[in-house]
Amino acid sequence: MILHPAPVQYRLDFLEGVYVLQHPRSGRSRPSQEIRARYGLQDVRLFHSTDRQTFGQVRRALIRALEWRDRTGAAS
């Protein structure tokens, strides 16, 4: 029985079209957010959380990493 998918690592220089999805509250569950991107030909989920603070921290860290990548030309 598989309870959780195995962790996957994605190379920053292969990520394109990063975007955020917001899932509304459903019944008693808290609203969740996820960060997705195109990785090669696949649409992948990079991160998800129902905790707004944690999600915001991860989102800002990813933005800084992508900006660094673009400034240094790491995607070339």
C-alpha atoms as a PDB file:
ATOM      1  CA  MET A   1       0.000   0.000   0.000  1.00  0.00           C
ATOM      2  CA  ILE A   2       1.356   3.433  -0.954  1.00  0.00           C
ATOM      3  CA  LEU A   3       0.264   6.185   1.425  1.00  0.00           C
ATOM      4  CA  HIS A   4       2.333   9.039   0.004  1.00  0.00           C
ATOM      5  CA  PRO A   5       4.224   9.526  -3.237  1.00  0.00           C
ATOM      6  CA  ALA A   6       8.006   9.350  -3.037  1.00  0.00           C
ATOM      7  CA  PRO A   7       9.736  12.738  -2.808  1.00  0.00           C
ATOM      8  CA  VAL A   8      10.945  14.068  -6.144  1.00  0.00           C
ATOM      9  CA  GLN A   9      13.598  16.688  -6.826  1.00  0.00           C
ATOM     10  CA  TYR A  10      13.341  18.999  -9.831  1.00  0.00           C
ATOM     11  CA  ARG A  11      16.204  20.952 -11.368  1.00  0.00           C
ATOM     12  CA  LEU A  12      15.516  24.662 -11.074  1.00  0.00           C
ATOM     13  CA  ASP A  13      16.904  25.371 -14.529  1.00  0.00           C
ATOM     14  CA  PHE A  14      14.284  23.097 -16.152  1.00  0.00           C
ATOM     15  CA  LEU A  15      11.235  24.703 -14.481  1.00  0.00           C
ATOM     16  CA  GLU A  16       9.036  26.876 -16.688  1.00  0.00           C
ATOM     17  CA  GLY A  17       5.652  28.528 -16.304  1.00  0.00           C
ATOM     18  CA  VAL A  18       5.463  28.410 -12.506  1.00  0.00           C
ATOM     19  CA  TYR A  19       1.988  29.238 -11.170  1.00  0.00           C
ATOM     20  CA  VAL A  20      -0.136  29.051  -8.022  1.00  0.00           C
ATOM     21  CA  LEU A  21      -3.475  27.238  -7.693  1.00  0.00           C
ATOM     22  CA  GLN A  22      -5.836  28.033  -4.865  1.00  0.00           C
ATOM     23  CA  HIS A  23      -8.366  25.434  -3.799  1.00  0.00           C
ATOM     24  CA  PRO A  24     -11.371  26.807  -1.909  1.00  0.00           C
ATOM     25  CA  ARG A  25     -12.483  25.541   1.442  1.00  0.00           C
ATOM     26  CA  SER A  26     -14.399  22.293   1.141  1.00  0.00           C
ATOM     27  CA  GLY A  27     -16.717  21.453   4.011  1.00  0.00           C
ATOM     28  CA  ARG A  28     -14.648  21.472   7.173  1.00  0.00           C
ATOM     29  CA  SER A  29     -11.276  21.317   5.424  1.00  0.00           C
ATOM     30  CA  ARG A  30      -9.073  24.382   5.230  1.00  0.00           C
ATOM     31  CA  PRO A  31      -8.423  26.003   1.834  1.00  0.00           C
ATOM     32  CA  SER A  32      -5.184  24.842   0.273  1.00  0.00           C
ATOM     33  CA  GLN A  33      -2.732  26.275  -2.190  1.00  0.00           C
ATOM     34  CA  GLU A  34      -0.216  24.631  -4.451  1.00  0.00           C
ATOM     35  CA  ILE A  35       2.699  25.696  -6.609  1.00  0.00           C
ATOM     36  CA  ARG A  36       2.862  24.010 -10.012  1.00  0.00           C
ATOM     37  CA  ALA A  37       5.170  24.304 -13.003  1.00  0.00           C
ATOM     38  CA  ARG A  38       6.010  22.777 -16.324  1.00  0.00           C
ATOM     39  CA  TYR A  39       9.004  20.432 -16.094  1.00  0.00           C
ATOM     40  CA  GLY A  40       9.880  19.272 -19.563  1.00  0.00           C
ATOM     41  CA  LEU A  41       6.591  18.033 -20.994  1.00  0.00           C
ATOM     42  CA  GLN A  42       4.970  17.380 -17.615  1.00  0.00           C
ATOM     43  CA  ASP A  43       2.875  19.599 -15.358  1.00  0.00           C
ATOM     44  CA  VAL A  44       4.175  18.946 -11.832  1.00  0.00           C
ATOM     45  CA  ARG A  45       3.194  19.979  -8.325  1.00  0.00           C
ATOM     46  CA  LEU A  46       6.190  21.471  -6.542  1.00  0.00           C
ATOM     47  CA  PHE A  47       4.562  22.191  -3.193  1.00  0.00           C
ATOM     48  CA  HIS A  48       1.172  22.299  -1.491  1.00  0.00           C
ATOM     49  CA  SER A  49      -0.054  23.350   1.932  1.00  0.00           C
ATOM     50  CA  THR A  50      -3.081  24.503   3.894  1.00  0.00           C
ATOM     51  CA  ASP A  51      -0.836  26.666   6.094  1.00  0.00           C
ATOM     52  CA  ARG A  52      -0.793  30.191   4.633  1.00  0.00           C
ATOM     53  CA  GLN A  53       2.412  31.254   6.385  1.00  0.00           C
ATOM     54  CA  THR A  54       4.413  28.210   5.305  1.00  0.00           C
ATOM     55  CA  PHE A  55       3.047  28.467   1.785  1.00  0.00           C
ATOM     56  CA  GLY A  56       4.029  32.136   1.612  1.00  0.00           C
ATOM     57  CA  GLN A  57       7.560  31.394   2.797  1.00  0.00           C
ATOM     58  CA  VAL A  58       8.058  28.638   0.225  1.00  0.00           C
ATOM     59  CA  ARG A  59       6.561  30.799  -2.523  1.00  0.00           C
ATOM     60  CA  ARG A  60       8.898  33.713  -1.731  1.00  0.00           C
ATOM     61  CA  ALA A  61      11.922  31.383  -1.607  1.00  0.00           C
ATOM     62  CA  LEU A  62      11.017  29.954  -5.008  1.00  0.00           C
ATOM     63  CA  ILE A  63      10.562  33.449  -6.460  1.00  0.00           C
ATOM     64  CA  ARG A  64      14.037  34.433  -5.194  1.00  0.00           C
ATOM     65  CA  ALA A  65      15.574  31.236  -6.616  1.00  0.00           C
ATOM     66  CA  LEU A  66      13.945  31.804 -10.019  1.00  0.00           C
ATOM     67  CA  GLU A  67      15.103  35.435 -10.048  1.00  0.00           C
ATOM     68  CA  TRP A  68      18.650  34.293  -9.219  1.00  0.00           C
ATOM     69  CA  ARG A  69      18.463  31.726 -12.021  1.00  0.00           C
ATOM     70  CA  ASP A  70      17.346  34.370 -14.507  1.00  0.00           C
ATOM     71  CA  ARG A  71      20.009  36.890 -13.402  1.00  0.00           C
ATOM     72  CA  THR A  72      22.885  34.424 -13.558  1.00  0.00           C
ATOM     73  CA  GLY A  73      21.765  32.756 -16.764  1.00  0.00           C
ATOM     74  CA  ALA A  74      21.613  29.348 -15.084  1.00  0.00           C
ATOM     75  CA  ALA A  75      18.848  28.321 -17.496  1.00  0.00           C
ATOM     76  CA  SER A  76      21.172  28.713 -20.488  1.00  0.00           C
END
